[in-house]
Amino acid sequence: MKCVICKKAFTKPGTTTVTFERGCLTMVVKCVPAQVCPNCGEAYVSEHIASELLQDAENKASTGAQVEIREYVAA
């Protein structure tokens, strides 16, 4: 797909880091599969992966965790 930010390049498969902040929780997930623009670096995560990450962040927030840093592992 063409990058919607810079409109100059087509995205390529790669990885990105996703950070969530909710209340007292900061969750960082590294090596998340994404389509990445080689021109500007903007990353696009699929709807399925985004949903998975949001659910995981909700679960972590409900446990009272404050900081979570991990590598992405497909469910």
PDB file of N, CA and C in Angstrom:
ATOM      1  N   MET A   1       0.839  -1.181   0.000  1.00  0.00           N
ATOM      2  CA  MET A   1       0.000   0.000   0.000  1.00  0.00           C
ATOM      3  C   MET A   1       0.882   1.241   0.000  1.00  0.00           C
ATOM      4  N   LYS A   2       0.362   2.319  -0.533  1.00  0.00           N
ATOM      5  CA  LYS A   2       1.101   3.578  -0.554  1.00  0.00           C
ATOM      6  C   LYS A   2       0.958   4.255   0.813  1.00  0.00           C
ATOM      7  N   CYS A   3       2.047   4.792   1.313  1.00  0.00           N
ATOM      8  CA  CYS A   3       2.050   5.449   2.621  1.00  0.00           C
ATOM      9  C   CYS A   3       1.091   6.647   2.602  1.00  0.00           C
ATOM     10  N   VAL A   4       0.204   6.703   3.579  1.00  0.00           N
ATOM     11  CA  VAL A   4      -0.749   7.812   3.632  1.00  0.00           C
ATOM     12  C   VAL A   4      -0.137   9.057   4.288  1.00  0.00           C
ATOM     13  N   ILE A   5       1.025   8.903   4.904  1.00  0.00           N
ATOM     14  CA  ILE A   5       1.670  10.048   5.544  1.00  0.00           C
ATOM     15  C   ILE A   5       2.512  10.837   4.535  1.00  0.00           C
ATOM     16  N   CYS A   6       3.501  10.180   3.926  1.00  0.00           N
ATOM     17  CA  CYS A   6       4.387  10.908   3.003  1.00  0.00           C
ATOM     18  C   CYS A   6       3.925  10.831   1.549  1.00  0.00           C
ATOM     19  N   LYS A   7       3.103   9.838   1.229  1.00  0.00           N
ATOM     20  CA  LYS A   7       2.560   9.646  -0.120  1.00  0.00           C
ATOM     21  C   LYS A   7       3.652   9.484  -1.185  1.00  0.00           C
ATOM     22  N   LYS A   8       4.850   9.040  -0.765  1.00  0.00           N
ATOM     23  CA  LYS A   8       5.960   8.933  -1.708  1.00  0.00           C
ATOM     24  C   LYS A   8       6.445   7.512  -1.933  1.00  0.00           C
ATOM     25  N   ALA A   9       6.080   6.586  -1.073  1.00  0.00           N
ATOM     26  CA  ALA A   9       6.619   5.227  -1.192  1.00  0.00           C
ATOM     27  C   ALA A   9       5.556   4.200  -0.841  1.00  0.00           C
ATOM     28  N   PHE A  10       5.808   2.995  -1.267  1.00  0.00           N
ATOM     29  CA  PHE A  10       4.945   1.875  -0.919  1.00  0.00           C
ATOM     30  C   PHE A  10       5.540   1.150   0.282  1.00  0.00           C
ATOM     31  N   THR A  11       4.673   0.738   1.195  1.00  0.00           N
ATOM     32  CA  THR A  11       5.142   0.072   2.405  1.00  0.00           C
ATOM     33  C   THR A  11       5.703  -1.307   2.084  1.00  0.00           C
ATOM     34  N   LYS A  12       6.562  -1.772   2.997  1.00  0.00           N
ATOM     35  CA  LYS A  12       7.177  -3.087   2.869  1.00  0.00           C
ATOM     36  C   LYS A  12       7.039  -3.809   4.201  1.00  0.00           C
ATOM     37  N   PRO A  13       7.002  -5.148   4.178  1.00  0.00           N
ATOM     38  CA  PRO A  13       6.920  -5.890   5.440  1.00  0.00           C
ATOM     39  C   PRO A  13       8.127  -5.579   6.337  1.00  0.00           C
ATOM     40  N   GLY A  14       7.857  -5.417   7.605  1.00  0.00           N
ATOM     41  CA  GLY A  14       8.905  -5.138   8.572  1.00  0.00           C
ATOM     42  C   GLY A  14       8.357  -5.287   9.975  1.00  0.00           C
ATOM     43  N   THR A  15       8.996  -4.647  10.934  1.00  0.00           N
ATOM     44  CA  THR A  15       8.524  -4.669  12.320  1.00  0.00           C
ATOM     45  C   THR A  15       8.562  -3.262  12.894  1.00  0.00           C
ATOM     46  N   THR A  16       7.827  -3.085  13.976  1.00  0.00           N
ATOM     47  CA  THR A  16       7.782  -1.801  14.659  1.00  0.00           C
ATOM     48  C   THR A  16       7.654  -2.035  16.153  1.00  0.00           C
ATOM     49  N   THR A  17       7.769  -0.982  16.917  1.00  0.00           N
ATOM     50  CA  THR A  17       7.544  -1.026  18.357  1.00  0.00           C
ATOM     51  C   THR A  17       6.257  -0.264  18.644  1.00  0.00           C
ATOM     52  N   VAL A  18       5.378  -0.883  19.441  1.00  0.00           N
ATOM     53  CA  VAL A  18       4.091  -0.273  19.777  1.00  0.00           C
ATOM     54  C   VAL A  18       4.096   0.042  21.268  1.00  0.00           C
ATOM     55  N   THR A  19       3.685   1.259  21.619  1.00  0.00           N
ATOM     56  CA  THR A  19       3.642   1.683  23.016  1.00  0.00           C
ATOM     57  C   THR A  19       2.214   2.072  23.386  1.00  0.00           C
ATOM     58  N   PHE A  20       1.757   1.547  24.520  1.00  0.00           N
ATOM     59  CA  PHE A  20       0.430   1.877  25.043  1.00  0.00           C
ATOM     60  C   PHE A  20       0.607   2.551  26.393  1.00  0.00           C
ATOM     61  N   GLU A  21      -0.206   3.562  26.667  1.00  0.00           N
ATOM     62  CA  GLU A  21      -0.257   4.165  27.993  1.00  0.00           C
ATOM     63  C   GLU A  21      -1.715   4.252  28.399  1.00  0.00           C
ATOM     64  N   ARG A  22      -2.004   3.718  29.587  1.00  0.00           N
ATOM     65  CA  ARG A  22      -3.377   3.763  30.102  1.00  0.00           C
ATOM     66  C   ARG A  22      -3.296   3.840  31.611  1.00  0.00           C
ATOM     67  N   GLY A  23      -3.792   4.901  32.188  1.00  0.00           N
ATOM     68  CA  GLY A  23      -3.680   5.066  33.637  1.00  0.00           C
ATOM     69  C   GLY A  23      -2.221   5.001  34.041  1.00  0.00           C
ATOM     70  N   CYS A  24      -1.899   4.078  34.925  1.00  0.00           N
ATOM     71  CA  CYS A  24      -0.527   3.917  35.411  1.00  0.00           C
ATOM     72  C   CYS A  24       0.276   2.913  34.588  1.00  0.00           C
ATOM     73  N   LEU A  25      -0.327   2.292  33.595  1.00  0.00           N
ATOM     74  CA  LEU A  25       0.363   1.273  32.809  1.00  0.00           C
ATOM     75  C   LEU A  25       1.047   1.874  31.578  1.00  0.00           C
ATOM     76  N   THR A  26       2.303   1.521  31.388  1.00  0.00           N
ATOM     77  CA  THR A  26       3.023   1.788  30.150  1.00  0.00           C
ATOM     78  C   THR A  26       3.465   0.433  29.625  1.00  0.00           C
ATOM     79  N   MET A  27       2.995   0.079  28.438  1.00  0.00           N
ATOM     80  CA  MET A  27       3.315  -1.224  27.851  1.00  0.00           C
ATOM     81  C   MET A  27       4.005  -1.006  26.516  1.00  0.00           C
ATOM     82  N   VAL A  28       5.167  -1.626  26.357  1.00  0.00           N
ATOM     83  CA  VAL A  28       5.951  -1.517  25.136  1.00  0.00           C
ATOM     84  C   VAL A  28       6.079  -2.915  24.544  1.00  0.00           C
ATOM     85  N   VAL A  29       5.695  -3.056  23.280  1.00  0.00           N
ATOM     86  CA  VAL A  29       5.803  -4.343  22.590  1.00  0.00           C
ATOM     87  C   VAL A  29       6.716  -4.142  21.389  1.00  0.00           C
ATOM     88  N   LYS A  30       7.817  -4.881  21.373  1.00  0.00           N
ATOM     89  CA  LYS A  30       8.821  -4.751  20.311  1.00  0.00           C
ATOM     90  C   LYS A  30       8.630  -5.837  19.261  1.00  0.00           C
ATOM     91  N   CYS A  31       9.169  -5.612  18.095  1.00  0.00           N
ATOM     92  CA  CYS A  31       9.165  -6.585  16.983  1.00  0.00           C
ATOM     93  C   CYS A  31       7.761  -6.970  16.536  1.00  0.00           C
ATOM     94  N   VAL A  32       6.856  -5.993  16.493  1.00  0.00           N
ATOM     95  CA  VAL A  32       5.486  -6.227  16.043  1.00  0.00           C
ATOM     96  C   VAL A  32       5.469  -6.206  14.513  1.00  0.00           C
ATOM     97  N   PRO A  33       4.935  -7.253  13.871  1.00  0.00           N
ATOM     98  CA  PRO A  33       4.867  -7.266  12.407  1.00  0.00           C
ATOM     99  C   PRO A  33       4.038  -6.083  11.896  1.00  0.00           C
ATOM    100  N   ALA A  34       4.547  -5.428  10.860  1.00  0.00           N
ATOM    101  CA  ALA A  34       3.861  -4.258  10.323  1.00  0.00           C
ATOM    102  C   ALA A  34       4.280  -4.030   8.881  1.00  0.00           C
ATOM    103  N   GLN A  35       3.543  -3.174   8.211  1.00  0.00           N
ATOM    104  CA  GLN A  35       3.947  -2.655   6.909  1.00  0.00           C
ATOM    105  C   GLN A  35       4.611  -1.321   7.204  1.00  0.00           C
ATOM    106  N   VAL A  36       5.860  -1.149   6.767  1.00  0.00           N
ATOM    107  CA  VAL A  36       6.640   0.029   7.120  1.00  0.00           C
ATOM    108  C   VAL A  36       7.037   0.795   5.863  1.00  0.00           C
ATOM    109  N   CYS A  37       6.867   2.098   5.910  1.00  0.00           N
ATOM    110  CA  CYS A  37       7.253   2.953   4.788  1.00  0.00           C
ATOM    111  C   CYS A  37       8.772   3.135   4.797  1.00  0.00           C
ATOM    112  N   PRO A  38       9.452   2.791   3.708  1.00  0.00           N
ATOM    113  CA  PRO A  38      10.905   2.961   3.663  1.00  0.00           C
ATOM    114  C   PRO A  38      11.332   4.433   3.552  1.00  0.00           C
ATOM    115  N   ASN A  39      10.401   5.308   3.212  1.00  0.00           N
ATOM    116  CA  ASN A  39      10.720   6.721   3.069  1.00  0.00           C
ATOM    117  C   ASN A  39      10.633   7.470   4.402  1.00  0.00           C
ATOM    118  N   CYS A  40       9.499   7.371   5.074  1.00  0.00           N
ATOM    119  CA  CYS A  40       9.299   8.156   6.304  1.00  0.00           C
ATOM    120  C   CYS A  40       9.295   7.325   7.584  1.00  0.00           C
ATOM    121  N   GLY A  41       9.208   5.995   7.446  1.00  0.00           N
ATOM    122  CA  GLY A  41       9.251   5.135   8.624  1.00  0.00           C
ATOM    123  C   GLY A  41       7.909   4.875   9.284  1.00  0.00           C
ATOM    124  N   GLU A  42       6.842   5.450   8.749  1.00  0.00           N
ATOM    125  CA  GLU A  42       5.515   5.210   9.321  1.00  0.00           C
ATOM    126  C   GLU A  42       5.204   3.720   9.239  1.00  0.00           C
ATOM    127  N   ALA A  43       4.643   3.171  10.329  1.00  0.00           N
ATOM    128  CA  ALA A  43       4.335   1.736  10.385  1.00  0.00           C
ATOM    129  C   ALA A  43       2.831   1.534  10.507  1.00  0.00           C
ATOM    130  N   TYR A  44       2.340   0.512   9.814  1.00  0.00           N
ATOM    131  CA  TYR A  44       0.922   0.177   9.802  1.00  0.00           C
ATOM    132  C   TYR A  44       0.763  -1.247  10.295  1.00  0.00           C
ATOM    133  N   VAL A  45       0.051  -1.413  11.420  1.00  0.00           N
ATOM    134  CA  VAL A  45      -0.179  -2.727  12.019  1.00  0.00           C
ATOM    135  C   VAL A  45      -1.554  -3.207  11.573  1.00  0.00           C
ATOM    136  N   SER A  46      -1.672  -4.500  11.275  1.00  0.00           N
ATOM    137  CA  SER A  46      -2.954  -5.048  10.823  1.00  0.00           C
ATOM    138  C   SER A  46      -4.007  -4.937  11.920  1.00  0.00           C
ATOM    139  N   GLU A  47      -5.250  -4.958  11.519  1.00  0.00           N
ATOM    140  CA  GLU A  47      -6.365  -4.869  12.466  1.00  0.00           C
ATOM    141  C   GLU A  47      -6.333  -6.025  13.460  1.00  0.00           C
ATOM    142  N   HIS A  48      -6.009  -7.210  12.977  1.00  0.00           N
ATOM    143  CA  HIS A  48      -5.953  -8.391  13.850  1.00  0.00           C
ATOM    144  C   HIS A  48      -4.890  -8.223  14.938  1.00  0.00           C
ATOM    145  N   ILE A  49      -3.707  -7.802  14.562  1.00  0.00           N
ATOM    146  CA  ILE A  49      -2.624  -7.626  15.532  1.00  0.00           C
ATOM    147  C   ILE A  49      -2.950  -6.481  16.490  1.00  0.00           C
ATOM    148  N   ALA A  50      -3.502  -5.389  15.983  1.00  0.00           N
ATOM    149  CA  ALA A  50      -3.880  -4.262  16.841  1.00  0.00           C
ATOM    150  C   ALA A  50      -4.895  -4.693  17.890  1.00  0.00           C
ATOM    151  N   SER A  51      -5.872  -5.476  17.487  1.00  0.00           N
ATOM    152  CA  SER A  51      -6.890  -5.976  18.411  1.00  0.00           C
ATOM    153  C   SER A  51      -6.257  -6.859  19.484  1.00  0.00           C
ATOM    154  N   GLU A  52      -5.345  -7.715  19.056  1.00  0.00           N
ATOM    155  CA  GLU A  52      -4.628  -8.607  19.976  1.00  0.00           C
ATOM    156  C   GLU A  52      -3.843  -7.787  21.012  1.00  0.00           C
ATOM    157  N   LEU A  53      -3.130  -6.777  20.539  1.00  0.00           N
ATOM    158  CA  LEU A  53      -2.321  -5.947  21.436  1.00  0.00           C
ATOM    159  C   LEU A  53      -3.189  -5.146  22.402  1.00  0.00           C
ATOM    160  N   LEU A  54      -4.304  -4.611  21.922  1.00  0.00           N
ATOM    161  CA  LEU A  54      -5.207  -3.852  22.790  1.00  0.00           C
ATOM    162  C   LEU A  54      -5.792  -4.733  23.886  1.00  0.00           C
ATOM    163  N   GLN A  55      -6.172  -5.963  23.532  1.00  0.00           N
ATOM    164  CA  GLN A  55      -6.724  -6.894  24.522  1.00  0.00           C
ATOM    165  C   GLN A  55      -5.672  -7.224  25.575  1.00  0.00           C
ATOM    166  N   ASP A  56      -4.439  -7.453  25.134  1.00  0.00           N
ATOM    167  CA  ASP A  56      -3.353  -7.749  26.063  1.00  0.00           C
ATOM    168  C   ASP A  56      -3.100  -6.564  26.994  1.00  0.00           C
ATOM    169  N   ALA A  57      -3.136  -5.347  26.458  1.00  0.00           N
ATOM    170  CA  ALA A  57      -2.940  -4.150  27.282  1.00  0.00           C
ATOM    171  C   ALA A  57      -4.056  -4.015  28.319  1.00  0.00           C
ATOM    172  N   GLU A  58      -5.282  -4.310  27.929  1.00  0.00           N
ATOM    173  CA  GLU A  58      -6.413  -4.273  28.873  1.00  0.00           C
ATOM    174  C   GLU A  58      -6.193  -5.267  30.006  1.00  0.00           C
ATOM    175  N   ASN A  59      -5.749  -6.474  29.649  1.00  0.00           N
ATOM    176  CA  ASN A  59      -5.503  -7.506  30.660  1.00  0.00           C
ATOM    177  C   ASN A  59      -4.406  -7.073  31.625  1.00  0.00           C
ATOM    178  N   LYS A  60      -3.331  -6.515  31.095  1.00  0.00           N
ATOM    179  CA  LYS A  60      -2.223  -6.057  31.946  1.00  0.00           C
ATOM    180  C   LYS A  60      -2.669  -4.911  32.850  1.00  0.00           C
ATOM    181  N   ALA A  61      -3.442  -3.982  32.319  1.00  0.00           N
ATOM    182  CA  ALA A  61      -3.912  -2.843  33.105  1.00  0.00           C
ATOM    183  C   ALA A  61      -4.784  -3.308  34.264  1.00  0.00           C
ATOM    184  N   SER A  62      -5.588  -4.354  34.030  1.00  0.00           N
ATOM    185  CA  SER A  62      -6.488  -4.836  35.079  1.00  0.00           C
ATOM    186  C   SER A  62      -5.743  -5.554  36.203  1.00  0.00           C
ATOM    187  N   THR A  63      -4.487  -5.964  35.967  1.00  0.00           N
ATOM    188  CA  THR A  63      -3.709  -6.638  37.015  1.00  0.00           C
ATOM    189  C   THR A  63      -2.983  -5.641  37.908  1.00  0.00           C
ATOM    190  N   GLY A  64      -2.983  -4.385  37.511  1.00  0.00           N
ATOM    191  CA  GLY A  64      -2.289  -3.360  38.289  1.00  0.00           C
ATOM    192  C   GLY A  64      -0.840  -3.173  37.860  1.00  0.00           C
ATOM    193  N   ALA A  65      -0.450  -3.805  36.765  1.00  0.00           N
ATOM    194  CA  ALA A  65       0.919  -3.651  36.266  1.00  0.00           C
ATOM    195  C   ALA A  65       1.178  -2.184  35.926  1.00  0.00           C
ATOM    196  N   GLN A  66       2.412  -1.749  36.135  1.00  0.00           N
ATOM    197  CA  GLN A  66       2.764  -0.381  35.806  1.00  0.00           C
ATOM    198  C   GLN A  66       3.630  -0.290  34.564  1.00  0.00           C
ATOM    199  N   VAL A  67       4.526  -1.264  34.391  1.00  0.00           N
ATOM    200  CA  VAL A  67       5.415  -1.264  33.229  1.00  0.00           C
ATOM    201  C   VAL A  67       5.501  -2.686  32.686  1.00  0.00           C
ATOM    202  N   GLU A  68       5.344  -2.811  31.383  1.00  0.00           N
ATOM    203  CA  GLU A  68       5.461  -4.108  30.709  1.00  0.00           C
ATOM    204  C   GLU A  68       6.235  -3.866  29.431  1.00  0.00           C
ATOM    205  N   ILE A  69       7.362  -4.552  29.278  1.00  0.00           N
ATOM    206  CA  ILE A  69       8.156  -4.457  28.052  1.00  0.00           C
ATOM    207  C   ILE A  69       8.393  -5.881  27.576  1.00  0.00           C
ATOM    208  N   ARG A  70       7.991  -6.157  26.334  1.00  0.00           N
ATOM    209  CA  ARG A  70       8.145  -7.518  25.838  1.00  0.00           C
ATOM    210  C   ARG A  70       8.264  -7.531  24.327  1.00  0.00           C
ATOM    211  N   GLU A  71       8.616  -8.706  23.806  1.00  0.00           N
ATOM    212  CA  GLU A  71       8.688  -8.926  22.370  1.00  0.00           C
ATOM    213  C   GLU A  71       7.364  -9.530  21.921  1.00  0.00           C
ATOM    214  N   TYR A  72       6.900  -9.145  20.751  1.00  0.00           N
ATOM    215  CA  TYR A  72       5.644  -9.661  20.222  1.00  0.00           C
ATOM    216  C   TYR A  72       5.762 -11.150  19.938  1.00  0.00           C
ATOM    217  N   VAL A  73       4.766 -11.907  20.388  1.00  0.00           N
ATOM    218  CA  VAL A  73       4.655 -13.327  20.075  1.00  0.00           C
ATOM    219  C   VAL A  73       3.236 -13.548  19.588  1.00  0.00           C
ATOM    220  N   ALA A  74       3.083 -14.090  18.385  1.00  0.00           N
ATOM    221  CA  ALA A  74       1.752 -14.316  17.813  1.00  0.00           C
ATOM    222  C   ALA A  74       0.965 -15.272  18.695  1.00  0.00           C
ATOM    223  N   ALA A  75      -0.309 -14.962  18.877  1.00  0.00           N
ATOM    224  CA  ALA A  75      -1.173 -15.801  19.723  1.00  0.00           C
ATOM    225  C   ALA A  75      -1.544 -17.084  19.028  1.00  0.00           C
TER     226      ALA A  75
END
